[in-house]
Every structure is written in C-alpha cells, then in structure tokens.
N, C-alpha and C. Protein backbone atom coordinates (compact mmCIF):
# COMPACT_ATOMS: atom_id res chain seq x y z
N UNK A 1 -11.59 -5.41 43.71
CA UNK A 1 -12.12 -5.51 42.54
C UNK A 1 -12.26 -6.98 42.20
N UNK A 2 -13.77 -7.14 41.82
CA UNK A 2 -14.35 -8.48 41.45
C UNK A 2 -13.52 -9.33 40.35
N UNK A 3 -13.20 -10.62 40.52
CA UNK A 3 -12.46 -11.30 39.26
C UNK A 3 -14.00 -11.71 38.60
N UNK A 4 -14.04 -11.12 37.55
CA UNK A 4 -15.39 -11.89 36.53
C UNK A 4 -14.94 -12.57 35.10
N UNK A 5 -13.41 -12.35 35.16
CA UNK A 5 -12.55 -13.31 33.75
C UNK A 5 -12.50 -14.51 34.46
N UNK A 6 -13.40 -15.32 34.42
CA UNK A 6 -13.12 -17.08 35.24
C UNK A 6 -12.85 -17.96 33.76
N UNK A 7 -12.39 -19.17 34.23
CA UNK A 7 -12.46 -20.13 33.04
C UNK A 7 -13.94 -20.77 32.92
N UNK A 8 -14.28 -20.76 31.40
CA UNK A 8 -15.60 -20.78 30.99
C UNK A 8 -15.99 -19.66 30.49
N UNK A 9 -15.65 -18.33 30.54
CA UNK A 9 -16.26 -17.28 29.97
C UNK A 9 -15.87 -17.17 28.73
N UNK A 10 -16.90 -16.51 28.01
CA UNK A 10 -16.44 -16.50 26.18
C UNK A 10 -16.00 -14.69 26.53
N UNK A 11 -15.01 -14.52 25.37
CA UNK A 11 -14.66 -13.50 25.55
C UNK A 11 -14.28 -13.01 23.75
N UNK A 12 -14.23 -11.51 23.75
CA UNK A 12 -13.82 -11.30 22.49
C UNK A 12 -12.57 -10.64 22.43
N UNK A 13 -11.75 -11.20 21.39
CA UNK A 13 -10.40 -10.60 21.48
C UNK A 13 -10.23 -9.27 20.81
N UNK A 14 -9.36 -8.18 21.39
CA UNK A 14 -9.70 -6.93 20.73
C UNK A 14 -8.57 -6.37 20.19
N UNK A 15 -7.22 -7.14 20.45
CA UNK A 15 -6.19 -6.59 19.91
C UNK A 15 -5.34 -7.99 19.13
N UNK A 16 -4.79 -7.39 17.98
CA UNK A 16 -3.86 -8.40 17.54
C UNK A 16 -4.45 -8.98 16.34
N UNK A 17 -3.78 -10.12 16.14
CA UNK A 17 -3.96 -11.04 14.94
C UNK A 17 -5.50 -11.66 15.02
N UNK A 18 -5.85 -11.77 16.06
CA UNK A 18 -7.46 -12.48 16.26
C UNK A 18 -8.29 -11.65 16.75
N UNK A 19 -8.12 -10.14 16.43
CA UNK A 19 -9.01 -9.25 17.00
C UNK A 19 -10.50 -9.56 16.27
N UNK A 20 -11.52 -9.48 17.46
CA UNK A 20 -12.71 -9.76 16.79
C UNK A 20 -13.30 -10.94 16.82
N UNK A 21 -12.17 -11.83 17.07
CA UNK A 21 -12.70 -13.32 17.33
C UNK A 21 -13.13 -13.91 18.51
N UNK A 22 -14.10 -14.68 18.79
CA UNK A 22 -14.61 -15.01 20.14
C UNK A 22 -13.37 -16.29 20.46
N UNK A 23 -13.57 -16.31 21.74
CA UNK A 23 -12.67 -17.39 22.36
C UNK A 23 -12.99 -17.58 23.92
N UNK A 24 -12.84 -18.75 24.31
CA UNK A 24 -13.44 -19.09 25.89
C UNK A 24 -11.83 -19.33 26.68
N UNK A 25 -12.17 -18.82 27.92
CA UNK A 25 -10.96 -18.72 28.76
C UNK A 25 -10.81 -20.18 29.30
N UNK A 26 -9.79 -20.63 29.29
CA UNK A 26 -9.36 -21.97 29.72
C UNK A 26 -8.66 -21.97 30.96
N UNK A 27 -7.87 -20.86 31.21
CA UNK A 27 -6.94 -20.79 32.52
C UNK A 27 -6.58 -19.30 32.81
N UNK A 28 -6.98 -18.86 33.75
CA UNK A 28 -6.78 -17.37 34.14
C UNK A 28 -5.90 -17.23 35.24
N UNK A 29 -4.96 -16.14 34.92
CA UNK A 29 -3.90 -15.60 36.12
C UNK A 29 -3.85 -14.27 36.33
N UNK A 30 -4.59 -14.14 37.54
CA UNK A 30 -5.16 -12.71 37.77
C UNK A 30 -3.77 -11.75 38.11
N UNK A 31 -2.88 -12.48 39.05
CA UNK A 31 -1.94 -11.64 39.39
C UNK A 31 -0.56 -11.51 38.21
N UNK A 32 -0.69 -12.69 37.54
CA UNK A 32 0.37 -12.89 36.49
C UNK A 32 1.54 -13.56 37.07
N UNK A 33 2.60 -13.99 36.37
CA UNK A 33 3.71 -14.61 36.83
C UNK A 33 5.27 -13.98 36.79
N UNK A 34 6.08 -14.40 36.90
CA UNK A 34 7.58 -13.72 36.80
C UNK A 34 7.61 -13.31 35.43
N UNK A 35 7.44 -14.24 34.45
CA UNK A 35 7.80 -13.97 33.23
C UNK A 35 6.70 -13.10 32.40
N UNK A 36 5.58 -12.76 32.98
CA UNK A 36 4.42 -12.29 32.37
C UNK A 36 3.65 -11.38 33.69
N UNK A 37 4.48 -10.59 34.37
CA UNK A 37 4.03 -9.40 35.16
C UNK A 37 2.50 -8.65 35.40
N UNK A 38 1.81 -9.41 34.53
CA UNK A 38 0.55 -8.29 34.11
C UNK A 38 -0.79 -9.87 34.15
N UNK A 39 -1.83 -9.39 34.06
CA UNK A 39 -3.08 -10.32 34.44
C UNK A 39 -3.18 -10.97 32.85
N UNK A 40 -3.48 -12.08 32.89
CA UNK A 40 -3.22 -12.66 31.49
C UNK A 40 -4.29 -14.09 31.72
N UNK A 41 -4.87 -14.69 30.54
CA UNK A 41 -5.48 -15.74 30.59
C UNK A 41 -5.04 -16.67 29.14
N UNK A 42 -5.27 -17.82 29.30
CA UNK A 42 -4.92 -18.74 28.31
C UNK A 42 -6.35 -18.96 27.63
N UNK A 43 -6.34 -18.69 26.42
CA UNK A 43 -7.83 -18.95 25.77
C UNK A 43 -7.22 -19.85 24.45
N UNK A 44 -8.67 -20.26 24.00
CA UNK A 44 -8.96 -21.09 22.85
C UNK A 44 -10.01 -20.98 22.33
N UNK A 45 -9.85 -20.35 21.20
CA UNK A 45 -11.22 -19.58 20.20
C UNK A 45 -11.20 -20.33 18.98
N UNK A 46 -12.19 -19.46 17.93
CA UNK A 46 -12.48 -19.79 16.85
C UNK A 46 -11.89 -18.85 15.66
N UNK A 47 -10.94 -19.39 14.88
CA UNK A 47 -10.35 -18.43 13.98
C UNK A 47 -11.36 -18.20 12.66
N UNK A 48 -11.75 -19.54 12.60
CA UNK A 48 -12.61 -19.47 11.09
C UNK A 48 -13.89 -20.25 11.69
N UNK A 49 -15.13 -19.46 11.25
CA UNK A 49 -16.10 -20.01 11.81
C UNK A 49 -17.02 -21.31 10.47
N UNK A 50 -17.69 -21.95 11.10
CA UNK A 50 -18.41 -22.70 9.68
C UNK A 50 -19.22 -21.73 8.98
N UNK A 51 -19.42 -22.38 7.99
CA UNK A 51 -20.16 -21.65 6.72
C UNK A 51 -21.82 -22.19 7.01
N UNK A 52 -22.31 -21.48 6.35
CA UNK A 52 -23.89 -21.71 6.41
C UNK A 52 -24.23 -23.45 5.68
N UNK A 53 -25.09 -23.94 6.24
CA UNK A 53 -25.52 -25.12 5.48
C UNK A 53 -26.72 -25.08 5.08
N UNK A 54 -27.58 -25.61 4.28
CA UNK A 54 -28.60 -25.66 3.45
C UNK A 54 -28.97 -27.12 3.35
N UNK A 55 -30.27 -27.29 3.41
CA UNK A 55 -30.83 -28.94 2.83
C UNK A 55 -30.40 -29.31 1.79
N UNK A 56 -30.10 -28.67 0.69
CA UNK A 56 -30.15 -28.91 -0.72
C UNK A 56 -28.74 -29.81 -0.73
N UNK A 57 -27.93 -28.96 0.26
CA UNK A 57 -26.15 -29.63 0.10
C UNK A 57 -26.19 -31.12 0.35
N UNK A 58 -25.48 -31.51 -0.42
CA UNK A 58 -25.05 -33.30 0.12
C UNK A 58 -24.00 -33.28 1.54
N UNK A 59 -23.66 -34.71 1.83
CA UNK A 59 -22.99 -35.00 3.09
C UNK A 59 -21.82 -34.48 3.17
N UNK A 60 -20.72 -34.45 1.71
CA UNK A 60 -19.67 -34.42 1.86
C UNK A 60 -19.64 -32.87 1.70
N UNK A 61 -20.47 -32.04 1.13
CA UNK A 61 -20.61 -30.55 1.21
C UNK A 61 -20.56 -30.06 2.80
N UNK A 62 -21.56 -30.64 3.39
CA UNK A 62 -21.99 -30.34 4.71
C UNK A 62 -21.00 -30.49 5.59
N UNK A 63 -20.30 -31.40 5.63
CA UNK A 63 -19.16 -31.90 6.38
C UNK A 63 -18.10 -30.92 6.11
N UNK A 64 -17.56 -30.36 4.80
CA UNK A 64 -16.48 -29.85 4.37
C UNK A 64 -17.03 -28.45 5.29
N UNK A 65 -18.06 -27.68 5.04
CA UNK A 65 -18.46 -26.50 5.73
C UNK A 65 -18.53 -26.32 6.81
N UNK A 66 -18.65 -27.53 7.83
CA UNK A 66 -18.82 -27.69 9.08
C UNK A 66 -17.79 -27.49 10.01
N UNK A 67 -16.57 -27.34 9.21
CA UNK A 67 -15.20 -27.46 9.79
C UNK A 67 -15.15 -25.78 10.70
N UNK A 68 -14.23 -26.27 11.91
CA UNK A 68 -14.03 -25.02 12.52
C UNK A 68 -12.53 -24.60 12.85
N UNK A 69 -11.68 -23.87 12.52
CA UNK A 69 -10.09 -23.55 12.71
C UNK A 69 -9.93 -22.82 14.12
N UNK A 70 -9.51 -23.76 15.03
CA UNK A 70 -9.17 -22.91 16.66
C UNK A 70 -7.87 -22.29 16.50
N UNK A 71 -7.56 -21.64 17.65
CA UNK A 71 -6.44 -21.22 17.91
C UNK A 71 -6.34 -21.14 19.58
N UNK A 72 -4.79 -21.23 19.92
CA UNK A 72 -4.64 -21.06 21.45
C UNK A 72 -3.76 -20.10 21.41
N UNK A 73 -3.77 -19.25 22.77
CA UNK A 73 -3.10 -18.42 23.07
C UNK A 73 -3.05 -17.60 24.18
N UNK A 74 -2.20 -17.00 24.64
CA UNK A 74 -2.10 -16.27 26.08
C UNK A 74 -2.26 -14.76 25.82
N UNK A 75 -3.39 -14.38 26.56
CA UNK A 75 -3.95 -12.93 26.11
C UNK A 75 -3.99 -11.95 27.27
N UNK A 76 -3.35 -10.94 27.31
CA UNK A 76 -3.66 -9.55 28.41
C UNK A 76 -4.84 -9.53 28.59
N UNK A 77 -5.49 -9.43 29.97
CA UNK A 77 -6.66 -8.76 30.13
C UNK A 77 -7.25 -7.61 29.35
N UNK A 78 -6.41 -6.73 29.21
CA UNK A 78 -6.88 -5.35 28.48
C UNK A 78 -7.04 -5.75 27.39
N UNK A 79 -6.62 -6.85 26.26
CA UNK A 79 -7.02 -7.03 25.21
C UNK A 79 -8.18 -7.92 24.78
N UNK A 80 -8.97 -8.06 25.97
CA UNK A 80 -9.96 -8.95 25.61
C UNK A 80 -11.12 -8.28 26.22
N UNK A 81 -12.38 -8.65 25.80
CA UNK A 81 -13.92 -8.15 26.55
C UNK A 81 -14.88 -9.29 26.85
N UNK A 82 -15.06 -9.43 27.93
CA UNK A 82 -15.76 -10.62 28.61
C UNK A 82 -17.31 -10.50 27.56
N UNK A 83 -17.96 -11.21 27.56
CA UNK A 83 -19.17 -11.22 27.08
C UNK A 83 -20.31 -12.15 28.27
N UNK A 84 -21.78 -12.03 27.88
CA UNK A 84 -22.51 -12.86 29.32
C UNK A 84 -22.37 -14.25 28.79
N UNK A 85 -21.68 -14.63 28.20
CA UNK A 85 -21.78 -16.27 27.71
C UNK A 85 -20.80 -16.88 28.64
N UNK A 86 -20.97 -18.24 28.49
CA UNK A 86 -20.29 -19.25 29.19
C UNK A 86 -20.43 -20.52 28.37
N UNK A 87 -18.99 -21.29 28.29
CA UNK A 87 -19.04 -22.54 27.97
C UNK A 87 -18.31 -23.19 29.02
N UNK A 88 -19.02 -24.66 28.68
CA UNK A 88 -18.54 -25.46 29.57
C UNK A 88 -17.11 -26.40 29.11
N UNK A 89 -16.36 -26.48 29.63
CA UNK A 89 -14.89 -26.82 28.69
C UNK A 89 -14.08 -27.78 29.84
N UNK A 90 -14.53 -28.71 30.08
CA UNK A 90 -13.82 -29.81 30.98
C UNK A 90 -12.98 -30.41 30.49
N UNK A 91 -12.98 -31.05 29.04
CA UNK A 91 -12.39 -31.69 28.23
C UNK A 91 -11.39 -30.80 27.63
N UNK A 92 -11.42 -29.41 27.61
CA UNK A 92 -10.52 -28.55 26.82
C UNK A 92 -9.43 -28.12 28.13
N UNK A 93 -9.66 -28.09 29.37
CA UNK A 93 -8.53 -27.64 30.43
C UNK A 93 -7.49 -29.09 30.32
N UNK A 94 -7.89 -30.04 30.09
CA UNK A 94 -6.70 -31.15 30.13
C UNK A 94 -5.92 -31.27 28.95
N UNK A 95 -6.39 -30.47 27.86
CA UNK A 95 -5.58 -30.46 26.31
C UNK A 95 -4.36 -29.30 26.67
N UNK A 96 -4.36 -28.17 27.43
CA UNK A 96 -3.75 -26.93 27.59
C UNK A 96 -3.30 -27.14 28.97
N UNK A 97 -1.58 -27.12 28.84
CA UNK A 97 -1.11 -26.72 30.22
C UNK A 97 0.03 -25.87 29.76
N UNK A 98 0.78 -25.83 30.93
CA UNK A 98 1.82 -24.79 30.77
C UNK A 98 2.97 -25.02 29.88
N UNK A 99 3.05 -26.31 29.39
CA UNK A 99 4.31 -26.41 28.76
C UNK A 99 3.51 -26.32 27.09
N UNK A 100 2.26 -26.19 26.95
CA UNK A 100 1.87 -26.15 25.58
C UNK A 100 2.52 -24.82 24.98
N UNK A 101 2.73 -23.88 25.56
CA UNK A 101 3.43 -22.95 24.76
C UNK A 101 4.72 -23.19 24.55
N UNK A 102 5.69 -23.97 25.14
CA UNK A 102 6.90 -24.10 25.22
C UNK A 102 7.48 -24.49 23.76
N UNK A 103 6.52 -25.63 23.43
CA UNK A 103 6.80 -26.31 21.99
C UNK A 103 6.07 -26.51 20.87
N UNK A 104 6.24 -25.87 19.84
CA UNK A 104 5.07 -25.61 18.68
C UNK A 104 4.37 -26.85 18.26
N UNK A 105 5.03 -28.19 18.28
CA UNK A 105 4.49 -29.41 17.99
C UNK A 105 3.45 -29.68 19.02
N UNK A 106 3.60 -29.40 20.50
CA UNK A 106 2.38 -29.29 21.16
C UNK A 106 1.50 -28.54 21.18
N UNK A 107 1.56 -27.30 20.97
CA UNK A 107 0.50 -26.40 20.50
C UNK A 107 -0.19 -26.91 19.20
N UNK A 108 -0.01 -27.61 18.03
CA UNK A 108 -0.49 -28.14 17.05
C UNK A 108 -1.32 -29.32 17.84
N UNK A 109 -0.95 -30.34 18.43
CA UNK A 109 -1.53 -31.23 18.85
C UNK A 109 -2.88 -30.94 19.84
N UNK A 110 -2.54 -29.91 20.97
CA UNK A 110 -3.69 -29.30 21.45
C UNK A 110 -4.72 -28.51 20.80
N UNK A 111 -4.45 -28.00 19.49
CA UNK A 111 -5.33 -27.62 18.44
C UNK A 111 -6.03 -28.56 17.96
N UNK A 112 -5.55 -29.46 17.55
CA UNK A 112 -6.35 -30.59 16.94
C UNK A 112 -7.36 -30.96 17.84
N UNK A 113 -7.11 -31.54 19.45
CA UNK A 113 -7.81 -31.89 20.32
C UNK A 113 -8.83 -30.95 20.16
N UNK A 114 -8.69 -29.61 20.45
CA UNK A 114 -9.61 -28.72 20.66
C UNK A 114 -10.56 -28.53 19.29
N UNK A 115 -9.89 -28.78 18.02
CA UNK A 115 -10.90 -28.95 16.94
C UNK A 115 -11.96 -29.67 16.90
N UNK A 116 -11.27 -30.93 17.29
CA UNK A 116 -12.26 -32.16 17.39
C UNK A 116 -13.40 -31.56 18.47
N UNK A 117 -13.16 -31.08 19.65
CA UNK A 117 -14.03 -30.73 20.70
C UNK A 117 -15.04 -29.86 20.18
N UNK A 118 -14.48 -28.85 19.31
CA UNK A 118 -15.56 -27.75 19.11
C UNK A 118 -16.21 -28.30 17.84
N UNK A 119 -15.98 -29.15 17.09
CA UNK A 119 -16.29 -29.44 15.79
C UNK A 119 -17.91 -30.39 16.41
N UNK A 120 -17.33 -31.17 17.23
CA UNK A 120 -18.40 -32.04 18.13
C UNK A 120 -19.37 -31.00 18.71
N UNK A 121 -19.15 -30.28 19.29
CA UNK A 121 -19.98 -29.08 20.13
C UNK A 121 -21.22 -28.39 19.13
N UNK A 122 -20.00 -28.12 17.88
CA UNK A 122 -21.08 -27.52 16.81
C UNK A 122 -22.03 -28.38 16.37
N UNK A 123 -21.89 -29.25 16.19
CA UNK A 123 -22.55 -30.49 15.26
C UNK A 123 -23.82 -30.81 16.46
N UNK A 124 -23.41 -30.74 17.44
CA UNK A 124 -24.86 -31.06 18.56
C UNK A 124 -25.49 -30.14 18.66
N UNK A 125 -25.14 -28.65 18.17
CA UNK A 125 -25.93 -27.70 18.61
C UNK A 125 -25.92 -26.62 19.38
N UNK A 126 -24.82 -27.34 20.41
CA UNK A 126 -24.77 -26.35 21.56
C UNK A 126 -23.92 -25.06 21.14
N UNK A 127 -24.29 -23.99 21.83
CA UNK A 127 -23.72 -22.82 21.91
C UNK A 127 -23.59 -22.27 20.57
N UNK A 128 -24.66 -21.95 20.24
CA UNK A 128 -24.72 -21.39 18.41
C UNK A 128 -24.05 -20.09 18.53
N UNK A 129 -24.03 -19.11 19.60
CA UNK A 129 -23.50 -17.79 19.27
C UNK A 129 -22.18 -17.84 18.98
N UNK A 130 -21.41 -18.91 20.19
CA UNK A 130 -20.10 -18.96 19.93
C UNK A 130 -19.55 -19.33 18.56
N UNK A 131 -20.22 -20.44 17.83
CA UNK A 131 -20.03 -20.30 16.49
C UNK A 131 -20.28 -19.87 15.39
N UNK A 132 -21.23 -18.60 15.68
CA UNK A 132 -21.57 -17.61 14.52
C UNK A 132 -20.41 -16.56 14.17
N UNK A 133 -20.26 -15.98 13.07
CA UNK A 133 -19.43 -14.70 12.86
C UNK A 133 -19.73 -13.67 13.66
N UNK A 134 -19.04 -12.89 14.22
CA UNK A 134 -19.60 -11.22 14.81
C UNK A 134 -19.59 -10.60 13.73
N UNK A 135 -20.94 -9.89 13.96
CA UNK A 135 -21.28 -8.72 12.76
C UNK A 135 -20.99 -7.60 13.39
N UNK A 136 -20.04 -6.62 12.88
CA UNK A 136 -19.76 -5.62 13.19
C UNK A 136 -19.12 -4.72 12.30
C-alpha cells in the first residue's frame, strides 16, 4: 500500500473533539508503537480560525481578530482524511517531540510556539485555505 499521509500533509480530523478541523501532519508512524499498536500521526491544527477583517477596522481590532488557536494531538489514521494541500513545517517539527505528550506543561509550551508560527503564516497570507473555516 502507498503511504500518502506524510509530514506536511494537511488533513481534516473526522472524529472526536476536533472533528471538522484542519490540521497538518508533523510526524507519522505507519506501523504504530508498542503502546499504540495502530498507524497514527502527530498533528498540529487550527482549533479556532481567524475572523474576517475589513478596511474600516482599527489596528487593535485587526490584531484581535487575527488570532489563531492551535491544538496538538496524536490521531489514528482512521480518524483523519487527507487533502490535496501541503504545508512547509520546518519550525513546527522542532517544537513537537515524543516527550511533548508526557507532560501537560510541555504541550502548552509547544502550543504557544505553534500559535506564533501559525499567526505569522496567516499574516503573510500564505496557505489561505488552511486558515479558513470548513464550510459543510
């Protein structure tokens, strides 16, 4: 079977708390591990997308509406659907490691770094589709 869920692939989460949200695969484990005997991926996604901004809004309001709320999660391959889109994620890979999920404080720290990276990417106008809300 061809392995098409690779790092950098944008996926849509299908099950659980983040169902219907977009995420990018940071690390994939096709064979699974001893404690997780199934194929899974570590994903970083957008829990809350930025709101619409117009010309009439002031800088303060634009800054507030341009915020992104991220999430970091380990997800089974059966619970995600790959899209045709990709995302370059050199900086994100360094922030998430195997230890990130052991301690809640480490997860919070990695979320803060990912939030900065996502907001920076949104401000520059790259990957517009990733930061838009799914309509269904």
